[in-house]
Amino acid sequence: MNPSPALLTVYYDGGCPVCSREISFYQRRRGADRIRWVNLADCTDDELGAGLTRAAAYARLHARWPDGRLVSGARAFAALWQSLPAFSLAGRIAGLPGVVHLLEAGYRGFLGIRRMWRETAA
C-alpha cells in the first residue's frame, strides 16, 4: 500500500528556536504524518519548489497545497491548521477574509521580534 500523498507542504525555519518548537508541537498532532515538513536549514533549493526562493522562505512561514498554490504568513498557518484534525475549525475560521487580515497583522508583529532573535543568535 502506498502512503497517502501530502495534504500540504510546510516550509519552516529550523534555525529559529521558537519556530522549531512550534513546528514540533504541530508535528506531534494527529494528521501531521500527512503533511510534508521542509526544514529550510536542511533542504536543497529544489525542495522549495516553483515560486519560492530561500530568502522568501526564511522571511516568513510558507505552505504549498497539493495543487501547487503557495501561501504565506497567516494564510500558511490557516492552511496548516485546516490540515490537522484538531485545528481544522480554527483553520477554517482563520482563513476567513477579515480574520486572516487581523492574524496577518499579528504575524507581522511577531516577525519583527523573530528577526531580533535571529540576529542575537547569529
PDB file of N, CA and C in Angstrom:
ATOM      1  N   MET A   1       0.843  -1.181   0.000  1.00  0.00           N
ATOM      2  CA  MET A   1       0.000   0.000   0.000  1.00  0.00           C
ATOM      3  C   MET A   1       0.886   1.241   0.000  1.00  0.00           C
ATOM      4  N   ASN A   2       0.631   2.195  -0.896  1.00  0.00           N
ATOM      5  CA  ASN A   2       1.396   3.435  -0.967  1.00  0.00           C
ATOM      6  C   ASN A   2       0.929   4.408   0.107  1.00  0.00           C
ATOM      7  N   PRO A   3       1.856   5.187   0.663  1.00  0.00           N
ATOM      8  CA  PRO A   3       1.429   6.185   1.636  1.00  0.00           C
ATOM      9  C   PRO A   3       0.570   7.246   0.955  1.00  0.00           C
ATOM     10  N   SER A   4      -0.319   7.837   1.710  1.00  0.00           N
ATOM     11  CA  SER A   4      -1.184   8.886   1.170  1.00  0.00           C
ATOM     12  C   SER A   4      -0.344  10.089   0.780  1.00  0.00           C
ATOM     13  N   PRO A   5      -0.743  10.778  -0.284  1.00  0.00           N
ATOM     14  CA  PRO A   5       0.005  11.982  -0.664  1.00  0.00           C
ATOM     15  C   PRO A   5      -0.163  13.062   0.409  1.00  0.00           C
ATOM     16  N   ALA A   6       0.820  13.948   0.476  1.00  0.00           N
ATOM     17  CA  ALA A   6       0.773  15.025   1.466  1.00  0.00           C
ATOM     18  C   ALA A   6      -0.421  15.928   1.198  1.00  0.00           C
ATOM     19  N   LEU A   7      -1.092  16.320   2.269  1.00  0.00           N
ATOM     20  CA  LEU A   7      -2.179  17.291   2.170  1.00  0.00           C
ATOM     21  C   LEU A   7      -1.621  18.693   1.961  1.00  0.00           C
ATOM     22  N   LEU A   8      -0.408  18.902   2.457  1.00  0.00           N
ATOM     23  CA  LEU A   8       0.173  20.232   2.489  1.00  0.00           C
ATOM     24  C   LEU A   8       1.673  20.065   2.675  1.00  0.00           C
ATOM     25  N   THR A   9       2.446  21.013   2.162  1.00  0.00           N
ATOM     26  CA  THR A   9       3.874  21.074   2.442  1.00  0.00           C
ATOM     27  C   THR A   9       4.108  22.350   3.226  1.00  0.00           C
ATOM     28  N   VAL A  10       4.790  22.236   4.355  1.00  0.00           N
ATOM     29  CA  VAL A  10       5.083  23.386   5.214  1.00  0.00           C
ATOM     30  C   VAL A  10       6.585  23.612   5.214  1.00  0.00           C
ATOM     31  N   TYR A  11       6.990  24.850   4.910  1.00  0.00           N
ATOM     32  CA  TYR A  11       8.402  25.250   4.893  1.00  0.00           C
ATOM     33  C   TYR A  11       8.649  26.090   6.140  1.00  0.00           C
ATOM     34  N   TYR A  12       9.594  25.672   6.974  1.00  0.00           N
ATOM     35  CA  TYR A  12       9.808  26.382   8.229  1.00  0.00           C
ATOM     36  C   TYR A  12      11.293  26.578   8.507  1.00  0.00           C
ATOM     37  N   ASP A  13      11.584  27.553   9.336  1.00  0.00           N
ATOM     38  CA  ASP A  13      12.953  27.908   9.705  1.00  0.00           C
ATOM     39  C   ASP A  13      13.380  27.066  10.898  1.00  0.00           C
ATOM     40  N   GLY A  14      14.085  25.972  10.624  1.00  0.00           N
ATOM     41  CA  GLY A  14      14.552  25.088  11.685  1.00  0.00           C
ATOM     42  C   GLY A  14      15.651  25.697  12.527  1.00  0.00           C
ATOM     43  N   GLY A  15      16.203  26.833  12.106  1.00  0.00           N
ATOM     44  CA  GLY A  15      17.234  27.513  12.879  1.00  0.00           C
ATOM     45  C   GLY A  15      16.679  28.510  13.877  1.00  0.00           C
ATOM     46  N   CYS A  16      15.388  28.737  13.843  1.00  0.00           N
ATOM     47  CA  CYS A  16      14.721  29.646  14.787  1.00  0.00           C
ATOM     48  C   CYS A  16      14.179  28.806  15.933  1.00  0.00           C
ATOM     49  N   PRO A  17      14.660  29.026  17.161  1.00  0.00           N
ATOM     50  CA  PRO A  17      14.212  28.186  18.283  1.00  0.00           C
ATOM     51  C   PRO A  17      12.701  28.223  18.514  1.00  0.00           C
ATOM     52  N   VAL A  18      12.097  29.378  18.406  1.00  0.00           N
ATOM     53  CA  VAL A  18      10.650  29.485  18.619  1.00  0.00           C
ATOM     54  C   VAL A  18       9.907  28.769  17.494  1.00  0.00           C
ATOM     55  N   CYS A  19      10.359  28.986  16.260  1.00  0.00           N
ATOM     56  CA  CYS A  19       9.711  28.341  15.107  1.00  0.00           C
ATOM     57  C   CYS A  19       9.816  26.814  15.215  1.00  0.00           C
ATOM     58  N   SER A  20      11.002  26.329  15.565  1.00  0.00           N
ATOM     59  CA  SER A  20      11.206  24.881  15.694  1.00  0.00           C
ATOM     60  C   SER A  20      10.323  24.285  16.765  1.00  0.00           C
ATOM     61  N   ARG A  21      10.202  24.977  17.885  1.00  0.00           N
ATOM     62  CA  ARG A  21       9.350  24.488  18.977  1.00  0.00           C
ATOM     63  C   ARG A  21       7.890  24.417  18.535  1.00  0.00           C
ATOM     64  N   GLU A  22       7.452  25.457  17.835  1.00  0.00           N
ATOM     65  CA  GLU A  22       6.061  25.473  17.395  1.00  0.00           C
ATOM     66  C   GLU A  22       5.801  24.385  16.352  1.00  0.00           C
ATOM     67  N   ILE A  23       6.691  24.235  15.396  1.00  0.00           N
ATOM     68  CA  ILE A  23       6.522  23.199  14.377  1.00  0.00           C
ATOM     69  C   ILE A  23       6.542  21.816  15.024  1.00  0.00           C
ATOM     70  N   SER A  24       7.423  21.619  15.992  1.00  0.00           N
ATOM     71  CA  SER A  24       7.486  20.342  16.710  1.00  0.00           C
ATOM     72  C   SER A  24       6.139  20.030  17.375  1.00  0.00           C
ATOM     73  N   PHE A  25       5.505  21.043  17.930  1.00  0.00           N
ATOM     74  CA  PHE A  25       4.180  20.879  18.525  1.00  0.00           C
ATOM     75  C   PHE A  25       3.201  20.351  17.482  1.00  0.00           C
ATOM     76  N   TYR A  26       3.182  20.982  16.314  1.00  0.00           N
ATOM     77  CA  TYR A  26       2.255  20.553  15.262  1.00  0.00           C
ATOM     78  C   TYR A  26       2.617  19.163  14.736  1.00  0.00           C
ATOM     79  N   GLN A  27       3.891  18.847  14.656  1.00  0.00           N
ATOM     80  CA  GLN A  27       4.315  17.543  14.142  1.00  0.00           C
ATOM     81  C   GLN A  27       3.869  16.389  15.026  1.00  0.00           C
ATOM     82  N   ARG A  28       3.570  16.664  16.276  1.00  0.00           N
ATOM     83  CA  ARG A  28       3.115  15.620  17.205  1.00  0.00           C
ATOM     84  C   ARG A  28       1.588  15.445  17.190  1.00  0.00           C
ATOM     85  N   ARG A  29       0.889  16.233  16.427  1.00  0.00           N
ATOM     86  CA  ARG A  29      -0.570  16.159  16.390  1.00  0.00           C
ATOM     87  C   ARG A  29      -1.026  15.092  15.397  1.00  0.00           C
ATOM     88  N   ARG A  30      -2.217  14.582  15.647  1.00  0.00           N
ATOM     89  CA  ARG A  30      -2.836  13.616  14.738  1.00  0.00           C
ATOM     90  C   ARG A  30      -2.992  14.273  13.367  1.00  0.00           C
ATOM     91  N   GLY A  31      -2.618  13.558  12.323  1.00  0.00           N
ATOM     92  CA  GLY A  31      -2.716  14.062  10.961  1.00  0.00           C
ATOM     93  C   GLY A  31      -1.428  14.688  10.445  1.00  0.00           C
ATOM     94  N   ALA A  32      -0.457  14.905  11.334  1.00  0.00           N
ATOM     95  CA  ALA A  32       0.805  15.540  10.932  1.00  0.00           C
ATOM     96  C   ALA A  32       1.598  14.676   9.959  1.00  0.00           C
ATOM     97  N   ASP A  33       1.338  13.369   9.980  1.00  0.00           N
ATOM     98  CA  ASP A  33       2.042  12.478   9.061  1.00  0.00           C
ATOM     99  C   ASP A  33       1.595  12.685   7.614  1.00  0.00           C
ATOM    100  N   ARG A  34       0.507  13.397   7.401  1.00  0.00           N
ATOM    101  CA  ARG A  34       0.024  13.711   6.048  1.00  0.00           C
ATOM    102  C   ARG A  34       0.556  15.044   5.552  1.00  0.00           C
ATOM    103  N   ILE A  35       1.391  15.689   6.362  1.00  0.00           N
ATOM    104  CA  ILE A  35       1.993  16.968   5.987  1.00  0.00           C
ATOM    105  C   ILE A  35       3.466  16.721   5.689  1.00  0.00           C
ATOM    106  N   ARG A  36       3.946  17.326   4.636  1.00  0.00           N
ATOM    107  CA  ARG A  36       5.373  17.256   4.314  1.00  0.00           C
ATOM    108  C   ARG A  36       6.031  18.458   4.979  1.00  0.00           C
ATOM    109  N   TRP A  37       6.950  18.201   5.884  1.00  0.00           N
ATOM    110  CA  TRP A  37       7.626  19.234   6.657  1.00  0.00           C
ATOM    111  C   TRP A  37       9.003  19.482   6.047  1.00  0.00           C
ATOM    112  N   VAL A  38       9.269  20.701   5.603  1.00  0.00           N
ATOM    113  CA  VAL A  38      10.546  21.030   4.978  1.00  0.00           C
ATOM    114  C   VAL A  38      11.278  22.032   5.868  1.00  0.00           C
ATOM    115  N   ASN A  39      12.343  21.539   6.497  1.00  0.00           N
ATOM    116  CA  ASN A  39      13.189  22.378   7.349  1.00  0.00           C
ATOM    117  C   ASN A  39      14.161  23.115   6.434  1.00  0.00           C
ATOM    118  N   LEU A  40      14.074  24.424   6.386  1.00  0.00           N
ATOM    119  CA  LEU A  40      14.915  25.215   5.495  1.00  0.00           C
ATOM    120  C   LEU A  40      16.393  25.047   5.785  1.00  0.00           C
ATOM    121  N   ALA A  41      16.734  24.715   7.020  1.00  0.00           N
ATOM    122  CA  ALA A  41      18.141  24.544   7.392  1.00  0.00           C
ATOM    123  C   ALA A  41      18.727  23.269   6.786  1.00  0.00           C
ATOM    124  N   ASP A  42      17.882  22.329   6.367  1.00  0.00           N
ATOM    125  CA  ASP A  42      18.348  21.035   5.883  1.00  0.00           C
ATOM    126  C   ASP A  42      17.924  20.701   4.456  1.00  0.00           C
ATOM    127  N   CYS A  43      17.269  21.612   3.758  1.00  0.00           N
ATOM    128  CA  CYS A  43      16.726  21.257   2.444  1.00  0.00           C
ATOM    129  C   CYS A  43      17.559  21.840   1.305  1.00  0.00           C
ATOM    130  N   THR A  44      17.366  21.267   0.134  1.00  0.00           N
ATOM    131  CA  THR A  44      18.009  21.796  -1.072  1.00  0.00           C
ATOM    132  C   THR A  44      17.086  22.834  -1.703  1.00  0.00           C
ATOM    133  N   ASP A  45      17.629  23.627  -2.604  1.00  0.00           N
ATOM    134  CA  ASP A  45      16.805  24.614  -3.303  1.00  0.00           C
ATOM    135  C   ASP A  45      15.701  23.929  -4.110  1.00  0.00           C
ATOM    136  N   ASP A  46      15.980  22.739  -4.647  1.00  0.00           N
ATOM    137  CA  ASP A  46      14.966  22.009  -5.412  1.00  0.00           C
ATOM    138  C   ASP A  46      13.749  21.653  -4.554  1.00  0.00           C
ATOM    139  N   GLU A  47      13.972  21.410  -3.278  1.00  0.00           N
ATOM    140  CA  GLU A  47      12.860  21.043  -2.383  1.00  0.00           C
ATOM    141  C   GLU A  47      11.918  22.213  -2.124  1.00  0.00           C
ATOM    142  N   LEU A  48      12.351  23.423  -2.431  1.00  0.00           N
ATOM    143  CA  LEU A  48      11.487  24.589  -2.238  1.00  0.00           C
ATOM    144  C   LEU A  48      10.396  24.661  -3.291  1.00  0.00           C
ATOM    145  N   GLY A  49      10.645  24.100  -4.448  1.00  0.00           N
ATOM    146  CA  GLY A  49       9.631  24.101  -5.495  1.00  0.00           C
ATOM    147  C   GLY A  49       9.518  25.430  -6.211  1.00  0.00           C
ATOM    148  N   ALA A  50       8.601  25.458  -7.157  1.00  0.00           N
ATOM    149  CA  ALA A  50       8.412  26.627  -8.016  1.00  0.00           C
ATOM    150  C   ALA A  50       7.888  27.827  -7.229  1.00  0.00           C
ATOM    151  N   GLY A  51       8.473  28.979  -7.519  1.00  0.00           N
ATOM    152  CA  GLY A  51       7.946  30.224  -6.967  1.00  0.00           C
ATOM    153  C   GLY A  51       8.338  30.538  -5.540  1.00  0.00           C
ATOM    154  N   LEU A  52       9.231  29.748  -4.943  1.00  0.00           N
ATOM    155  CA  LEU A  52       9.650  30.026  -3.565  1.00  0.00           C
ATOM    156  C   LEU A  52      11.168  30.073  -3.500  1.00  0.00           C
ATOM    157  N   THR A  53      11.695  31.235  -3.195  1.00  0.00           N
ATOM    158  CA  THR A  53      13.135  31.371  -3.015  1.00  0.00           C
ATOM    159  C   THR A  53      13.489  31.076  -1.570  1.00  0.00           C
ATOM    160  N   ARG A  54      14.739  30.759  -1.341  1.00  0.00           N
ATOM    161  CA  ARG A  54      15.190  30.503   0.027  1.00  0.00           C
ATOM    162  C   ARG A  54      15.013  31.761   0.888  1.00  0.00           C
ATOM    163  N   ALA A  55      15.346  32.927   0.338  1.00  0.00           N
ATOM    164  CA  ALA A  55      15.213  34.181   1.099  1.00  0.00           C
ATOM    165  C   ALA A  55      13.758  34.418   1.500  1.00  0.00           C
ATOM    166  N   ALA A  56      12.835  34.209   0.571  1.00  0.00           N
ATOM    167  CA  ALA A  56      11.414  34.391   0.887  1.00  0.00           C
ATOM    168  C   ALA A  56      10.961  33.370   1.921  1.00  0.00           C
ATOM    169  N   ALA A  57      11.438  32.133   1.785  1.00  0.00           N
ATOM    170  CA  ALA A  57      11.044  31.075   2.717  1.00  0.00           C
ATOM    171  C   ALA A  57      11.528  31.381   4.130  1.00  0.00           C
ATOM    172  N   TYR A  58      12.736  31.925   4.248  1.00  0.00           N
ATOM    173  CA  TYR A  58      13.255  32.284   5.569  1.00  0.00           C
ATOM    174  C   TYR A  58      12.544  33.507   6.158  1.00  0.00           C
ATOM    175  N   ALA A  59      12.019  34.346   5.306  1.00  0.00           N
ATOM    176  CA  ALA A  59      11.401  35.591   5.778  1.00  0.00           C
ATOM    177  C   ALA A  59      10.084  35.365   6.509  1.00  0.00           C
ATOM    178  N   ARG A  60       9.356  34.297   6.143  1.00  0.00           N
ATOM    179  CA  ARG A  60       8.054  34.025   6.766  1.00  0.00           C
ATOM    180  C   ARG A  60       7.630  32.599   6.466  1.00  0.00           C
ATOM    181  N   LEU A  61       6.709  32.079   7.268  1.00  0.00           N
ATOM    182  CA  LEU A  61       6.211  30.724   7.072  1.00  0.00           C
ATOM    183  C   LEU A  61       5.501  30.624   5.726  1.00  0.00           C
ATOM    184  N   HIS A  62       5.772  29.541   5.002  1.00  0.00           N
ATOM    185  CA  HIS A  62       5.105  29.262   3.732  1.00  0.00           C
ATOM    186  C   HIS A  62       4.526  27.851   3.769  1.00  0.00           C
ATOM    187  N   ALA A  63       3.462  27.669   3.012  1.00  0.00           N
ATOM    188  CA  ALA A  63       2.864  26.345   2.834  1.00  0.00           C
ATOM    189  C   ALA A  63       2.408  26.226   1.391  1.00  0.00           C
ATOM    190  N   ARG A  64       2.458  25.003   0.873  1.00  0.00           N
ATOM    191  CA  ARG A  64       2.038  24.753  -0.502  1.00  0.00           C
ATOM    192  C   ARG A  64       0.976  23.651  -0.502  1.00  0.00           C
ATOM    193  N   TRP A  65      -0.155  23.953  -1.137  1.00  0.00           N
ATOM    194  CA  TRP A  65      -1.214  22.968  -1.306  1.00  0.00           C
ATOM    195  C   TRP A  65      -0.810  21.978  -2.388  1.00  0.00           C
ATOM    196  N   PRO A  66      -1.401  20.789  -2.429  1.00  0.00           N
ATOM    197  CA  PRO A  66      -1.044  19.792  -3.448  1.00  0.00           C
ATOM    198  C   PRO A  66      -1.203  20.295  -4.889  1.00  0.00           C
ATOM    199  N   ASP A  67      -2.092  21.270  -5.102  1.00  0.00           N
ATOM    200  CA  ASP A  67      -2.278  21.793  -6.461  1.00  0.00           C
ATOM    201  C   ASP A  67      -1.212  22.826  -6.833  1.00  0.00           C
ATOM    202  N   GLY A  68      -0.250  23.076  -5.920  1.00  0.00           N
ATOM    203  CA  GLY A  68       0.843  23.991  -6.201  1.00  0.00           C
ATOM    204  C   GLY A  68       0.668  25.400  -5.661  1.00  0.00           C
ATOM    205  N   ARG A  69      -0.544  25.739  -5.187  1.00  0.00           N
ATOM    206  CA  ARG A  69      -0.760  27.082  -4.633  1.00  0.00           C
ATOM    207  C   ARG A  69       0.124  27.282  -3.411  1.00  0.00           C
ATOM    208  N   LEU A  70       0.813  28.415  -3.396  1.00  0.00           N
ATOM    209  CA  LEU A  70       1.716  28.755  -2.308  1.00  0.00           C
ATOM    210  C   LEU A  70       1.084  29.872  -1.488  1.00  0.00           C
ATOM    211  N   VAL A  71       1.056  29.697  -0.175  1.00  0.00           N
ATOM    212  CA  VAL A  71       0.530  30.724   0.727  1.00  0.00           C
ATOM    213  C   VAL A  71       1.583  31.007   1.796  1.00  0.00           C
ATOM    214  N   SER A  72       1.503  32.185   2.394  1.00  0.00           N
ATOM    215  CA  SER A  72       2.485  32.524   3.426  1.00  0.00           C
ATOM    216  C   SER A  72       1.823  33.286   4.562  1.00  0.00           C
ATOM    217  N   GLY A  73       2.581  33.433   5.646  1.00  0.00           N
ATOM    218  CA  GLY A  73       2.102  34.187   6.792  1.00  0.00           C
ATOM    219  C   GLY A  73       0.874  33.557   7.422  1.00  0.00           C
ATOM    220  N   ALA A  74      -0.100  34.408   7.736  1.00  0.00           N
ATOM    221  CA  ALA A  74      -1.323  33.934   8.389  1.00  0.00           C
ATOM    222  C   ALA A  74      -2.060  32.921   7.522  1.00  0.00           C
ATOM    223  N   ARG A  75      -2.012  33.093   6.207  1.00  0.00           N
ATOM    224  CA  ARG A  75      -2.665  32.121   5.315  1.00  0.00           C
ATOM    225  C   ARG A  75      -1.993  30.751   5.401  1.00  0.00           C
ATOM    226  N   ALA A  76      -0.684  30.736   5.609  1.00  0.00           N
ATOM    227  CA  ALA A  76       0.021  29.460   5.775  1.00  0.00           C
ATOM    228  C   ALA A  76      -0.390  28.790   7.081  1.00  0.00           C
ATOM    229  N   PHE A  77      -0.524  29.575   8.143  1.00  0.00           N
ATOM    230  CA  PHE A  77      -0.993  28.999   9.404  1.00  0.00           C
ATOM    231  C   PHE A  77      -2.416  28.473   9.246  1.00  0.00           C
ATOM    232  N   ALA A  78      -3.279  29.212   8.568  1.00  0.00           N
ATOM    233  CA  ALA A  78      -4.649  28.744   8.353  1.00  0.00           C
ATOM    234  C   ALA A  78      -4.634  27.415   7.584  1.00  0.00           C
ATOM    235  N   ALA A  79      -3.780  27.315   6.569  1.00  0.00           N
ATOM    236  CA  ALA A  79      -3.668  26.067   5.798  1.00  0.00           C
ATOM    237  C   ALA A  79      -3.179  24.923   6.676  1.00  0.00           C
ATOM    238  N   LEU A  80      -2.168  25.196   7.508  1.00  0.00           N
ATOM    239  CA  LEU A  80      -1.646  24.180   8.421  1.00  0.00           C
ATOM    240  C   LEU A  80      -2.746  23.711   9.368  1.00  0.00           C
ATOM    241  N   TRP A  81      -3.434  24.642   9.974  1.00  0.00           N
ATOM    242  CA  TRP A  81      -4.491  24.283  10.920  1.00  0.00           C
ATOM    243  C   TRP A  81      -5.613  23.512  10.224  1.00  0.00           C
ATOM    244  N   GLN A  82      -5.972  23.903   9.005  1.00  0.00           N
ATOM    245  CA  GLN A  82      -7.013  23.191   8.265  1.00  0.00           C
ATOM    246  C   GLN A  82      -6.609  21.743   8.001  1.00  0.00           C
ATOM    247  N   SER A  83      -5.315  21.489   7.922  1.00  0.00           N
ATOM    248  CA  SER A  83      -4.804  20.157   7.598  1.00  0.00           C
ATOM    249  C   SER A  83      -4.668  19.240   8.807  1.00  0.00           C
ATOM    250  N   LEU A  84      -4.814  19.782  10.001  1.00  0.00           N
ATOM    251  CA  LEU A  84      -4.721  18.981  11.225  1.00  0.00           C
ATOM    252  C   LEU A  84      -6.112  18.864  11.854  1.00  0.00           C
ATOM    253  N   PRO A  85      -6.610  17.643  12.034  1.00  0.00           N
ATOM    254  CA  PRO A  85      -7.980  17.466  12.525  1.00  0.00           C
ATOM    255  C   PRO A  85      -8.318  18.278  13.785  1.00  0.00           C
ATOM    256  N   ALA A  86      -7.420  18.344  14.747  1.00  0.00           N
ATOM    257  CA  ALA A  86      -7.730  19.050  15.995  1.00  0.00           C
ATOM    258  C   ALA A  86      -7.836  20.563  15.810  1.00  0.00           C
ATOM    259  N   PHE A  87      -7.304  21.069  14.708  1.00  0.00           N
ATOM    260  CA  PHE A  87      -7.288  22.516  14.476  1.00  0.00           C
ATOM    261  C   PHE A  87      -8.106  22.919  13.253  1.00  0.00           C
ATOM    262  N   SER A  88      -8.816  21.980  12.644  1.00  0.00           N
ATOM    263  CA  SER A  88      -9.470  22.263  11.365  1.00  0.00           C
ATOM    264  C   SER A  88     -10.509  23.382  11.455  1.00  0.00           C
ATOM    265  N   LEU A  89     -11.276  23.422  12.522  1.00  0.00           N
ATOM    266  CA  LEU A  89     -12.259  24.503  12.667  1.00  0.00           C
ATOM    267  C   LEU A  89     -11.545  25.849  12.806  1.00  0.00           C
ATOM    268  N   ALA A  90     -10.510  25.894  13.633  1.00  0.00           N
ATOM    269  CA  ALA A  90      -9.739  27.133  13.774  1.00  0.00           C
ATOM    270  C   ALA A  90      -9.139  27.549  12.441  1.00  0.00           C
ATOM    271  N   GLY A  91      -8.692  26.577  11.654  1.00  0.00           N
ATOM    272  CA  GLY A  91      -8.128  26.868  10.345  1.00  0.00           C
ATOM    273  C   GLY A  91      -9.144  27.465   9.387  1.00  0.00           C
ATOM    274  N   ARG A  92     -10.361  26.936   9.417  1.00  0.00           N
ATOM    275  CA  ARG A  92     -11.413  27.482   8.548  1.00  0.00           C
ATOM    276  C   ARG A  92     -11.766  28.908   8.978  1.00  0.00           C
ATOM    277  N   ILE A  93     -11.847  29.128  10.277  1.00  0.00           N
ATOM    278  CA  ILE A  93     -12.146  30.478  10.778  1.00  0.00           C
ATOM    279  C   ILE A  93     -10.997  31.426  10.445  1.00  0.00           C
ATOM    280  N   ALA A  94      -9.757  30.970  10.656  1.00  0.00           N
ATOM    281  CA  ALA A  94      -8.587  31.803  10.392  1.00  0.00           C
ATOM    282  C   ALA A  94      -8.485  32.183   8.922  1.00  0.00           C
ATOM    283  N   GLY A  95      -9.035  31.365   8.040  1.00  0.00           N
ATOM    284  CA  GLY A  95      -8.972  31.650   6.616  1.00  0.00           C
ATOM    285  C   GLY A  95     -10.017  32.635   6.121  1.00  0.00           C
ATOM    286  N   LEU A  96     -10.937  33.017   6.977  1.00  0.00           N
ATOM    287  CA  LEU A  96     -11.958  33.978   6.563  1.00  0.00           C
ATOM    288  C   LEU A  96     -11.311  35.344   6.307  1.00  0.00           C
ATOM    289  N   PRO A  97     -11.781  36.067   5.285  1.00  0.00           N
ATOM    290  CA  PRO A  97     -11.117  37.319   4.890  1.00  0.00           C
ATOM    291  C   PRO A  97     -10.820  38.304   6.031  1.00  0.00           C
ATOM    292  N   GLY A  98     -11.749  38.677   6.830  1.00  0.00           N
ATOM    293  CA  GLY A  98     -11.487  39.633   7.912  1.00  0.00           C
ATOM    294  C   GLY A  98     -10.557  39.072   8.967  1.00  0.00           C
ATOM    295  N   VAL A  99     -10.720  37.804   9.274  1.00  0.00           N
ATOM    296  CA  VAL A  99      -9.928  37.159  10.314  1.00  0.00           C
ATOM    297  C   VAL A  99      -8.477  37.015   9.857  1.00  0.00           C
ATOM    298  N   VAL A 100      -8.274  36.562   8.638  1.00  0.00           N
ATOM    299  CA  VAL A 100      -6.915  36.349   8.154  1.00  0.00           C
ATOM    300  C   VAL A 100      -6.132  37.664   8.111  1.00  0.00           C
ATOM    301  N   HIS A 101      -6.808  38.770   7.847  1.00  0.00           N
ATOM    302  CA  HIS A 101      -6.116  40.067   7.821  1.00  0.00           C
ATOM    303  C   HIS A 101      -5.675  40.482   9.225  1.00  0.00           C
ATOM    304  N   LEU A 102      -6.500  40.223  10.216  1.00  0.00           N
ATOM    305  CA  LEU A 102      -6.114  40.517  11.605  1.00  0.00           C
ATOM    306  C   LEU A 102      -4.955  39.617  12.043  1.00  0.00           C
ATOM    307  N   LEU A 103      -5.045  38.341  11.713  1.00  0.00           N
ATOM    308  CA  LEU A 103      -3.965  37.414  12.064  1.00  0.00           C
ATOM    309  C   LEU A 103      -2.666  37.790  11.358  1.00  0.00           C
ATOM    310  N   GLU A 104      -2.763  38.259  10.127  1.00  0.00           N
ATOM    311  CA  GLU A 104      -1.570  38.681   9.381  1.00  0.00           C
ATOM    312  C   GLU A 104      -0.901  39.866  10.073  1.00  0.00           C
ATOM    313  N   ALA A 105      -1.689  40.796  10.580  1.00  0.00           N
ATOM    314  CA  ALA A 105      -1.118  41.944  11.297  1.00  0.00           C
ATOM    315  C   ALA A 105      -0.356  41.461  12.534  1.00  0.00           C
ATOM    316  N   GLY A 106      -0.937  40.518  13.270  1.00  0.00           N
ATOM    317  CA  GLY A 106      -0.250  39.957  14.430  1.00  0.00           C
ATOM    318  C   GLY A 106       1.002  39.194  14.036  1.00  0.00           C
ATOM    319  N   TYR A 107       0.937  38.463  12.940  1.00  0.00           N
ATOM    320  CA  TYR A 107       2.088  37.692  12.470  1.00  0.00           C
ATOM    321  C   TYR A 107       3.226  38.631  12.074  1.00  0.00           C
ATOM    322  N   ARG A 108       2.911  39.731  11.428  1.00  0.00           N
ATOM    323  CA  ARG A 108       3.951  40.700  11.053  1.00  0.00           C
ATOM    324  C   ARG A 108       4.634  41.270  12.291  1.00  0.00           C
ATOM    325  N   GLY A 109       3.869  41.474  13.354  1.00  0.00           N
ATOM    326  CA  GLY A 109       4.466  41.916  14.612  1.00  0.00           C
ATOM    327  C   GLY A 109       5.425  40.874  15.161  1.00  0.00           C
ATOM    328  N   PHE A 110       5.009  39.618  15.108  1.00  0.00           N
ATOM    329  CA  PHE A 110       5.882  38.529  15.556  1.00  0.00           C
ATOM    330  C   PHE A 110       7.162  38.489  14.733  1.00  0.00           C
ATOM    331  N   LEU A 111       7.063  38.718  13.415  1.00  0.00           N
ATOM    332  CA  LEU A 111       8.248  38.658  12.552  1.00  0.00           C
ATOM    333  C   LEU A 111       9.303  39.684  12.972  1.00  0.00           C
ATOM    334  N   GLY A 112       8.863  40.846  13.443  1.00  0.00           N
ATOM    335  CA  GLY A 112       9.810  41.850  13.934  1.00  0.00           C
ATOM    336  C   GLY A 112      10.580  41.342  15.138  1.00  0.00           C
ATOM    337  N   ILE A 113       9.892  40.684  16.046  1.00  0.00           N
ATOM    338  CA  ILE A 113      10.529  40.118  17.236  1.00  0.00           C
ATOM    339  C   ILE A 113      11.430  38.951  16.834  1.00  0.00           C
ATOM    340  N   ARG A 114      10.958  38.123  15.924  1.00  0.00           N
ATOM    341  CA  ARG A 114      11.724  36.967  15.455  1.00  0.00           C
ATOM    342  C   ARG A 114      13.041  37.411  14.825  1.00  0.00           C
ATOM    343  N   ARG A 115      13.001  38.474  14.070  1.00  0.00           N
ATOM    344  CA  ARG A 115      14.212  38.982  13.429  1.00  0.00           C
ATOM    345  C   ARG A 115      15.268  39.322  14.478  1.00  0.00           C
ATOM    346  N   MET A 116      14.827  39.901  15.598  1.00  0.00           N
ATOM    347  CA  MET A 116      15.764  40.227  16.681  1.00  0.00           C
ATOM    348  C   MET A 116      16.363  38.947  17.271  1.00  0.00           C
ATOM    349  N   TRP A 117      15.556  37.885  17.460  1.00  0.00           N
ATOM    350  CA  TRP A 117      16.066  36.615  17.985  1.00  0.00           C
ATOM    351  C   TRP A 117      17.096  36.031  17.052  1.00  0.00           C
ATOM    352  N   ARG A 118      16.810  36.085  15.761  1.00  0.00           N
ATOM    353  CA  ARG A 118      17.738  35.517  14.764  1.00  0.00           C
ATOM    354  C   ARG A 118      19.063  36.290  14.772  1.00  0.00           C
ATOM    355  N   GLU A 119      18.995  37.619  14.910  1.00  0.00           N
ATOM    356  CA  GLU A 119      20.210  38.438  14.904  1.00  0.00           C
ATOM    357  C   GLU A 119      21.059  38.189  16.130  1.00  0.00           C
ATOM    358  N   THR A 120      20.428  37.993  17.294  1.00  0.00           N
ATOM    359  CA  THR A 120      21.204  37.754  18.513  1.00  0.00           C
ATOM    360  C   THR A 120      21.760  36.336  18.538  1.00  0.00           C
ATOM    361  N   ALA A 121      21.096  35.409  17.848  1.00  0.00           N
ATOM    362  CA  ALA A 121      21.575  34.014  17.810  1.00  0.00           C
ATOM    363  C   ALA A 121      22.740  33.862  16.833  1.00  0.00           C
ATOM    364  N   ALA A 122      22.838  34.773  15.875  1.00  0.00           N
ATOM    365  CA  ALA A 122      23.902  34.657  14.848  1.00  0.00           C
ATOM    366  C   ALA A 122      25.246  35.084  15.356  1.00  0.00           C
TER     367      ALA A 122
END
